[in-house]
Amino acid sequence: MTEATLAPRADDRLIVAIDLPDAVQGLALAERLGDAVSFYKIGLGMLTGGGLALANELKGEHGKRIFLDMKLFDIGATVEAAVRGLARFDLDFLTVHGDPHVVRAAKEGAGGSATKILAVTVLTSLDRGDLDDGMMVAGDIHDIAIERAARALAAGADGVICSPQEAARVRALPEAVGRLIVTPGVRPVGADLGDQKRIATPAQAIADGVDHIVVGRPIHRAADPRAAAAAIVAEMASARAMRPNR
């Protein structure tokens, strides 16, 4: 078999989180992953380290899809203005908090652009104790995430960010028909959980109706990031996933 035959093929259901200090290191990771990865997430941690410049370079010069994870939250006018400015960067996905007034403002700011607004339900690094510490509403954390997803989708979100443990229930919502589900908190079997508390494997997430999974440290901290990405892509395509991408 030739090297080309053996080369891993990108699957944009896998979004690699570039959780690195600056754009130089982020670009080095993207170059190392090469054509094994087609979709990248750039978050707040890299915003002051050239994150928007990296987004432009990966999109314009390397043909990658970009998910800008800003988790915007503010009064409606401010969110609308921020999204209007960010939409000029030709982003694929942009996150805001899932409060309905925030979602509506973000959609107004996105206007006729191709940028899809994804609403954050409950962060995958949180559990019930964390919500108690923040004086959040009482109740099961999964139920809260489902309700926030339903309200965000009703407000016009193009999709939601939720933990893979809630994905199947979100997919079953009437409001979720034709909408995206994107899940962080996905870890291959045996991977370090890090700060994630509500997790699942790549295959389980896809089986539960997730459209895209977000994986960071298990790839960029691997001895061979390209092989780690290829293994996740293979798992998503395996019989264990049981469900095709939409």
Protein backbone atom coordinates (compact mmCIF):
# COMPACT_ATOMS: atom_id res chain seq x y z
CA MET A 1 0.00 0.00 0.00
CA THR A 2 1.22 3.50 -0.76
CA GLU A 3 1.71 6.26 1.82
CA ALA A 4 -1.25 8.10 0.27
CA THR A 5 -3.45 5.06 0.82
CA LEU A 6 -2.43 4.91 4.47
CA ALA A 7 -2.89 8.63 5.13
CA PRO A 8 -5.80 9.39 7.49
CA ARG A 9 -8.76 11.22 5.99
CA ALA A 10 -10.22 14.23 7.76
CA ASP A 11 -13.76 14.01 9.11
CA ASP A 12 -15.23 17.37 10.05
CA ARG A 13 -17.28 15.76 12.80
CA LEU A 14 -14.00 16.01 14.74
CA ILE A 15 -13.19 19.54 15.86
CA VAL A 16 -9.73 19.89 17.38
CA ALA A 17 -9.51 22.48 20.15
CA ILE A 18 -6.30 24.47 19.85
CA ASP A 19 -5.95 25.11 23.58
CA LEU A 20 -2.43 26.48 23.34
CA PRO A 21 -0.88 29.76 24.54
CA ASP A 22 -0.46 31.51 21.21
CA ALA A 23 -1.00 31.41 17.47
CA VAL A 24 2.56 30.28 16.74
CA GLN A 25 2.07 27.07 18.70
CA GLY A 26 -1.44 26.69 17.31
CA LEU A 27 -0.23 26.91 13.73
CA ALA A 28 2.55 24.42 14.47
CA LEU A 29 -0.05 21.95 15.76
CA ALA A 30 -2.26 22.46 12.69
CA GLU A 31 0.71 21.91 10.39
CA ARG A 32 1.62 18.74 12.27
CA LEU A 33 -1.95 17.44 11.94
CA GLY A 34 -2.06 18.40 8.26
CA ASP A 35 -4.89 16.88 6.24
CA ALA A 36 -5.90 14.58 9.11
CA VAL A 37 -7.99 17.42 10.60
CA SER A 38 -10.30 19.86 8.80
CA PHE A 39 -12.00 21.72 11.66
CA TYR A 40 -10.48 23.71 14.54
CA LYS A 41 -11.79 25.43 17.67
CA ILE A 42 -10.12 28.60 18.90
CA GLY A 43 -11.19 29.81 22.33
CA LEU A 44 -10.74 32.63 24.81
CA GLY A 45 -7.41 31.30 26.03
CA MET A 46 -5.79 32.22 22.72
CA LEU A 47 -7.69 35.44 22.06
CA THR A 48 -4.83 37.66 23.26
CA GLY A 49 -2.26 35.35 21.71
CA GLY A 50 -3.27 35.96 18.10
CA GLY A 51 -6.35 33.75 18.00
CA LEU A 52 -8.24 35.77 15.39
CA ALA A 53 -5.15 35.99 13.19
CA LEU A 54 -4.75 32.22 13.45
CA ALA A 55 -8.42 31.74 12.56
CA ASN A 56 -7.93 33.86 9.44
CA GLU A 57 -4.80 31.98 8.43
CA LEU A 58 -6.26 28.53 8.94
CA LYS A 59 -9.42 29.50 7.08
CA GLY A 60 -7.96 31.53 4.25
CA GLU A 61 -4.63 29.83 3.59
CA HIS A 62 -5.25 26.25 4.70
CA GLY A 63 -8.94 25.80 3.89
CA LYS A 64 -9.92 24.77 7.42
CA ARG A 65 -13.27 25.30 9.09
CA ILE A 66 -13.23 27.48 12.21
CA PHE A 67 -15.20 27.37 15.45
CA LEU A 68 -14.62 30.51 17.54
CA ASP A 69 -15.54 29.66 21.11
CA MET A 70 -16.15 33.04 22.77
CA LYS A 71 -19.19 32.15 24.95
CA LEU A 72 -20.45 35.71 24.63
CA PHE A 73 -22.73 37.04 27.35
CA ASP A 74 -23.87 40.64 27.83
CA ILE A 75 -26.83 42.90 27.18
CA GLY A 76 -28.46 42.34 23.83
CA ALA A 77 -27.05 45.41 22.07
CA THR A 78 -23.49 44.53 23.05
CA VAL A 79 -23.83 40.89 21.98
CA GLU A 80 -25.35 41.95 18.67
CA ALA A 81 -22.50 44.36 17.98
CA ALA A 82 -19.83 41.82 18.96
CA VAL A 83 -21.30 39.12 16.73
CA ARG A 84 -21.69 41.53 13.82
CA GLY A 85 -17.97 42.28 14.04
CA LEU A 86 -16.90 38.68 14.45
CA ALA A 87 -19.09 37.46 11.58
CA ARG A 88 -16.86 39.44 9.22
CA PHE A 89 -14.14 36.86 9.86
CA ASP A 90 -16.12 34.22 7.91
CA LEU A 91 -16.40 31.91 10.91
CA ASP A 92 -18.27 28.63 10.73
CA PHE A 93 -19.40 28.44 14.38
CA LEU A 94 -19.53 31.04 17.17
CA THR A 95 -20.66 30.36 20.74
CA VAL A 96 -22.79 32.49 23.02
CA HIS A 97 -24.40 31.66 26.34
CA GLY A 98 -27.76 29.98 25.91
CA ASP A 99 -29.93 32.67 27.54
CA PRO A 100 -32.70 33.46 25.03
CA HIS A 101 -32.04 37.23 24.97
CA VAL A 102 -28.36 36.54 24.17
CA VAL A 103 -29.24 34.07 21.41
CA ARG A 104 -31.71 36.44 19.78
CA ALA A 105 -29.19 39.28 19.82
CA ALA A 106 -26.45 37.03 18.40
CA LYS A 107 -28.66 35.90 15.54
CA GLU A 108 -29.47 39.51 14.76
CA GLY A 109 -25.76 40.32 14.72
CA ALA A 110 -24.93 37.36 12.50
CA GLY A 111 -27.43 38.67 9.98
CA GLY A 112 -27.13 36.96 6.61
CA SER A 113 -23.62 35.64 7.25
CA ALA A 114 -22.72 31.96 7.16
CA THR A 115 -21.71 32.01 10.84
CA LYS A 116 -23.82 29.59 12.86
CA ILE A 117 -24.67 30.61 16.43
CA LEU A 118 -24.25 27.82 18.96
CA ALA A 119 -25.74 28.23 22.43
CA VAL A 120 -23.92 26.96 25.50
CA THR A 121 -26.22 25.06 27.88
CA VAL A 122 -24.20 24.05 30.98
CA LEU A 123 -20.40 23.82 30.81
CA THR A 124 -19.13 20.23 30.73
CA SER A 125 -16.63 21.06 33.49
CA LEU A 126 -19.50 21.73 35.95
CA ASP A 127 -21.52 19.44 38.17
CA ARG A 128 -24.40 20.02 40.58
CA GLY A 129 -22.05 21.21 43.31
CA ASP A 130 -20.66 23.89 41.01
CA LEU A 131 -24.17 25.10 40.20
CA ASP A 132 -24.93 25.26 43.92
CA ASP A 133 -21.80 27.35 44.48
CA GLY A 134 -23.01 29.73 41.79
CA MET A 135 -26.50 29.95 43.31
CA MET A 136 -28.04 28.47 40.18
CA VAL A 137 -31.53 27.00 39.99
CA ALA A 138 -32.08 23.75 41.88
CA GLY A 139 -32.60 20.48 40.04
CA ASP A 140 -30.80 17.78 38.10
CA ILE A 141 -27.98 19.24 36.02
CA HIS A 142 -28.95 17.18 32.98
CA ASP A 143 -32.55 18.40 33.14
CA ILE A 144 -31.32 21.99 33.39
CA ALA A 145 -29.10 21.52 30.33
CA ILE A 146 -32.00 20.06 28.33
CA GLU A 147 -34.30 22.94 29.26
CA ARG A 148 -31.66 25.53 28.39
CA ALA A 149 -31.13 23.79 25.06
CA ALA A 150 -34.85 23.85 24.28
CA ARG A 151 -35.13 27.55 25.14
CA ALA A 152 -32.02 28.50 23.16
CA LEU A 153 -33.22 26.61 20.10
CA ALA A 154 -36.65 28.19 20.38
CA ALA A 155 -34.90 31.58 20.45
CA GLY A 156 -33.27 30.78 17.10
CA ALA A 157 -29.92 29.18 17.87
CA ASP A 158 -28.47 27.15 15.00
CA GLY A 159 -27.37 24.54 17.51
CA VAL A 160 -26.29 23.93 21.08
CA ILE A 161 -23.22 23.01 23.06
CA CYS A 162 -23.98 20.34 25.64
CA SER A 163 -22.26 17.45 27.32
CA PRO A 164 -22.42 14.10 25.49
CA GLN A 165 -24.43 12.77 28.42
CA GLU A 166 -27.30 15.05 27.43
CA ALA A 167 -26.98 14.67 23.66
CA ALA A 168 -29.58 11.96 23.11
CA ARG A 169 -32.23 13.89 25.02
CA VAL A 170 -31.39 17.13 23.20
CA ARG A 171 -31.60 15.32 19.86
CA ALA A 172 -35.10 14.12 20.81
CA LEU A 173 -36.35 17.67 21.38
CA PRO A 174 -38.83 18.92 18.74
CA GLU A 175 -36.82 22.16 18.65
CA ALA A 176 -33.65 20.23 17.72
CA VAL A 177 -34.88 19.03 14.33
CA GLY A 178 -32.39 20.24 11.74
CA ARG A 179 -30.18 21.89 14.38
CA LEU A 180 -26.61 21.11 15.40
CA ILE A 181 -25.38 19.41 18.56
CA VAL A 182 -21.72 19.98 19.38
CA THR A 183 -20.15 18.33 22.40
CA PRO A 184 -16.95 18.94 24.29
CA GLY A 185 -16.24 16.54 27.15
CA VAL A 186 -15.44 13.74 24.70
CA ARG A 187 -12.59 11.47 25.72
CA PRO A 188 -11.24 8.31 24.05
CA VAL A 189 -11.15 5.28 26.34
CA GLY A 190 -8.20 5.57 28.74
CA ALA A 191 -7.65 9.30 28.20
CA ASP A 192 -7.08 11.67 31.12
CA LEU A 193 -10.37 13.38 32.01
CA GLY A 194 -8.67 16.68 32.88
CA ASP A 195 -11.28 19.20 34.11
CA GLN A 196 -14.19 17.47 32.35
CA LYS A 197 -16.92 15.92 34.53
CA ARG A 198 -19.72 14.89 32.13
CA ILE A 199 -18.06 12.86 29.41
CA ALA A 200 -18.49 10.07 26.84
CA THR A 201 -16.40 8.33 24.20
CA PRO A 202 -16.37 9.55 20.57
CA ALA A 203 -18.42 6.56 19.40
CA GLN A 204 -21.06 7.02 22.10
CA ALA A 205 -21.38 10.74 21.36
CA ILE A 206 -21.98 10.09 17.65
CA ALA A 207 -24.40 7.27 18.44
CA ASP A 208 -26.41 9.67 20.60
CA GLY A 209 -26.94 12.09 17.73
CA VAL A 210 -24.02 14.49 18.07
CA ASP A 211 -22.97 16.27 14.87
CA HIS A 212 -19.49 17.37 16.00
CA ILE A 213 -17.25 16.41 18.91
CA VAL A 214 -14.59 18.73 20.31
CA VAL A 215 -11.32 17.18 21.47
CA GLY A 216 -8.26 19.09 22.61
CA ARG A 217 -5.73 17.71 25.08
CA PRO A 218 -6.01 14.02 24.11
CA ILE A 219 -4.77 15.11 20.67
CA HIS A 220 -2.35 17.98 21.18
CA ARG A 221 -0.70 16.35 24.22
CA ALA A 222 -0.30 13.00 22.46
CA ALA A 223 3.14 11.81 21.42
CA ASP A 224 1.75 11.59 17.89
CA PRO A 225 -1.18 14.06 17.55
CA ARG A 226 -1.89 13.01 13.96
CA ALA A 227 -2.26 9.36 14.97
CA ALA A 228 -4.44 10.35 17.94
CA ALA A 229 -6.75 12.32 15.64
CA ALA A 230 -6.88 9.46 13.15
CA ALA A 231 -7.84 7.02 15.91
CA ILE A 232 -10.76 9.23 16.95
CA VAL A 233 -11.92 9.57 13.34
CA ALA A 234 -11.76 5.78 12.99
CA GLU A 235 -13.84 5.33 16.13
CA MET A 236 -16.49 7.76 14.88
CA ALA A 237 -16.73 5.74 11.68
CA SER A 238 -16.88 2.40 13.48
CA ALA A 239 -19.90 0.19 14.05
CA ARG A 240 -19.93 1.37 17.68
CA ALA A 241 -21.00 4.82 16.49
CA MET A 242 -24.08 3.29 14.79
CA ARG A 243 -25.30 6.58 13.36
CA PRO A 244 -24.19 8.54 10.27
CA ASN A 245 -23.37 12.23 10.29
CA ARG A 246 -26.27 14.48 9.32
